[in-house]
Amino acid sequence: MTKNGIPIDIPSQRKKAPTTGKFTVPKDFYKYKRFATMVGYEDGCNVTVTAPMGHPEFKALLAQGYQVIDIWDRRDIA
C-alpha cells in the first residue's frame, strides 16, 4: 500500500486461488447419443445443465422444474 492507502498490485505477492478439481463425466453417459441443455433455478442462482435425454437424471431434472432449451446430438458418434 502506498501512504495514501492505495493498494499496489505485485503479482508475486498475490494469493493463489484454490483449484476445484476436474469434472468427470459418468461412464454411462457415453452410451447416449441425444442430449439436452436445460436451465433451472436453485438456491437463488440460474443453473445450466446438460444431460442425456434417456437417462434417469434427465427425468429427475424435469421433475424439479428444469426447462429444456436445446436438444443436440453428440458429434463423435457416427
C-alpha atoms as a PDB file:
ATOM      1  CA  MET A   1       0.000   0.000   0.000  1.00  0.00           C
ATOM      2  CA  THR A   2       1.062   3.494  -0.650  1.00  0.00           C
ATOM      3  CA  LYS A   3       0.958   6.145   2.047  1.00  0.00           C
ATOM      4  CA  ASN A   4      -2.448   7.247   0.652  1.00  0.00           C
ATOM      5  CA  GLY A   5      -3.951   3.771   1.174  1.00  0.00           C
ATOM      6  CA  ILE A   6      -3.925   2.765  -2.487  1.00  0.00           C
ATOM      7  CA  PRO A   7      -3.059  -0.924  -2.892  1.00  0.00           C
ATOM      8  CA  ILE A   8      -0.137  -1.795  -5.155  1.00  0.00           C
ATOM      9  CA  ASP A   9      -0.519  -4.850  -7.352  1.00  0.00           C
ATOM     10  CA  ILE A  10       2.550  -7.079  -7.043  1.00  0.00           C
ATOM     11  CA  PRO A  11       1.931 -10.378  -8.905  1.00  0.00           C
ATOM     12  CA  SER A  12       4.402 -12.384  -6.809  1.00  0.00           C
ATOM     13  CA  GLN A  13       2.530 -11.451  -3.602  1.00  0.00           C
ATOM     14  CA  ARG A  14      -0.957 -12.424  -4.809  1.00  0.00           C
ATOM     15  CA  LYS A  15      -2.720 -15.247  -3.015  1.00  0.00           C
ATOM     16  CA  LYS A  16      -3.161 -18.370  -5.097  1.00  0.00           C
ATOM     17  CA  ALA A  17      -6.759 -19.262  -5.970  1.00  0.00           C
ATOM     18  CA  PRO A  18      -7.793 -22.732  -4.804  1.00  0.00           C
ATOM     19  CA  THR A  19      -8.324 -25.325  -7.509  1.00  0.00           C
ATOM     20  CA  THR A  20     -11.663 -27.085  -7.581  1.00  0.00           C
ATOM     21  CA  GLY A  21     -10.610 -30.308  -9.293  1.00  0.00           C
ATOM     22  CA  LYS A  22     -11.576 -31.723 -12.637  1.00  0.00           C
ATOM     23  CA  PHE A  23     -15.123 -32.585 -13.663  1.00  0.00           C
ATOM     24  CA  THR A  24     -15.580 -36.185 -14.701  1.00  0.00           C
ATOM     25  CA  VAL A  25     -18.369 -37.428 -16.921  1.00  0.00           C
ATOM     26  CA  PRO A  26     -20.124 -40.568 -15.641  1.00  0.00           C
ATOM     27  CA  LYS A  27     -19.274 -43.588 -17.807  1.00  0.00           C
ATOM     28  CA  ASP A  28     -22.924 -44.402 -18.564  1.00  0.00           C
ATOM     29  CA  PHE A  29     -23.328 -41.024 -20.343  1.00  0.00           C
ATOM     30  CA  TYR A  30     -21.224 -42.296 -23.270  1.00  0.00           C
ATOM     31  CA  LYS A  31     -23.895 -44.763 -24.396  1.00  0.00           C
ATOM     32  CA  TYR A  32     -26.357 -41.946 -25.200  1.00  0.00           C
ATOM     33  CA  LYS A  33     -26.462 -40.049 -28.473  1.00  0.00           C
ATOM     34  CA  ARG A  34     -29.042 -37.308 -27.867  1.00  0.00           C
ATOM     35  CA  PHE A  35     -28.504 -34.708 -25.126  1.00  0.00           C
ATOM     36  CA  ALA A  36     -30.494 -31.755 -23.807  1.00  0.00           C
ATOM     37  CA  THR A  37     -29.322 -28.472 -22.364  1.00  0.00           C
ATOM     38  CA  MET A  38     -31.615 -27.421 -19.540  1.00  0.00           C
ATOM     39  CA  VAL A  39     -31.966 -24.354 -17.369  1.00  0.00           C
ATOM     40  CA  GLY A  40     -33.327 -24.147 -13.844  1.00  0.00           C
ATOM     41  CA  TYR A  41     -33.230 -22.085 -10.669  1.00  0.00           C
ATOM     42  CA  GLU A  42     -31.561 -23.346  -7.453  1.00  0.00           C
ATOM     43  CA  ASP A  43     -30.572 -21.506  -4.275  1.00  0.00           C
ATOM     44  CA  GLY A  44     -31.128 -18.093  -5.860  1.00  0.00           C
ATOM     45  CA  CYS A  45     -28.972 -18.834  -8.927  1.00  0.00           C
ATOM     46  CA  ASN A  46     -29.713 -19.800 -12.517  1.00  0.00           C
ATOM     47  CA  VAL A  47     -28.268 -23.240 -13.275  1.00  0.00           C
ATOM     48  CA  THR A  48     -27.495 -24.637 -16.739  1.00  0.00           C
ATOM     49  CA  VAL A  49     -27.270 -28.434 -17.034  1.00  0.00           C
ATOM     50  CA  THR A  50     -26.500 -30.854 -19.861  1.00  0.00           C
ATOM     51  CA  ALA A  51     -27.896 -34.389 -19.550  1.00  0.00           C
ATOM     52  CA  PRO A  52     -28.659 -37.313 -21.893  1.00  0.00           C
ATOM     53  CA  MET A  53     -32.340 -37.447 -22.777  1.00  0.00           C
ATOM     54  CA  GLY A  54     -32.821 -41.147 -21.960  1.00  0.00           C
ATOM     55  CA  HIS A  55     -31.020 -41.021 -18.600  1.00  0.00           C
ATOM     56  CA  PRO A  56     -32.951 -41.107 -15.288  1.00  0.00           C
ATOM     57  CA  GLU A  57     -31.162 -37.885 -14.289  1.00  0.00           C
ATOM     58  CA  PHE A  58     -32.889 -36.090 -17.188  1.00  0.00           C
ATOM     59  CA  LYS A  59     -36.299 -37.182 -15.914  1.00  0.00           C
ATOM     60  CA  ALA A  60     -35.389 -36.117 -12.372  1.00  0.00           C
ATOM     61  CA  LEU A  61     -34.351 -32.658 -13.588  1.00  0.00           C
ATOM     62  CA  LEU A  62     -37.649 -32.260 -15.445  1.00  0.00           C
ATOM     63  CA  ALA A  63     -39.494 -33.192 -12.232  1.00  0.00           C
ATOM     64  CA  GLN A  64     -37.517 -30.487 -10.365  1.00  0.00           C
ATOM     65  CA  GLY A  65     -38.793 -27.854 -12.792  1.00  0.00           C
ATOM     66  CA  TYR A  66     -35.887 -27.504 -15.221  1.00  0.00           C
ATOM     67  CA  GLN A  67     -36.806 -26.460 -18.762  1.00  0.00           C
ATOM     68  CA  VAL A  68     -35.237 -27.821 -21.957  1.00  0.00           C
ATOM     69  CA  ILE A  69     -33.709 -25.016 -24.017  1.00  0.00           C
ATOM     70  CA  ASP A  70     -31.738 -27.028 -26.596  1.00  0.00           C
ATOM     71  CA  ILE A  71     -31.557 -30.614 -27.896  1.00  0.00           C
ATOM     72  CA  TRP A  72     -28.425 -31.819 -29.668  1.00  0.00           C
ATOM     73  CA  ASP A  73     -26.589 -34.964 -30.810  1.00  0.00           C
ATOM     74  CA  ARG A  74     -23.040 -35.929 -29.947  1.00  0.00           C
ATOM     75  CA  ARG A  75     -20.637 -35.418 -32.841  1.00  0.00           C
ATOM     76  CA  ASP A  76     -18.201 -38.238 -32.019  1.00  0.00           C
ATOM     77  CA  ILE A  77     -20.848 -40.904 -32.738  1.00  0.00           C
ATOM     78  CA  ALA A  78     -21.078 -41.794 -36.404  1.00  0.00           C
END
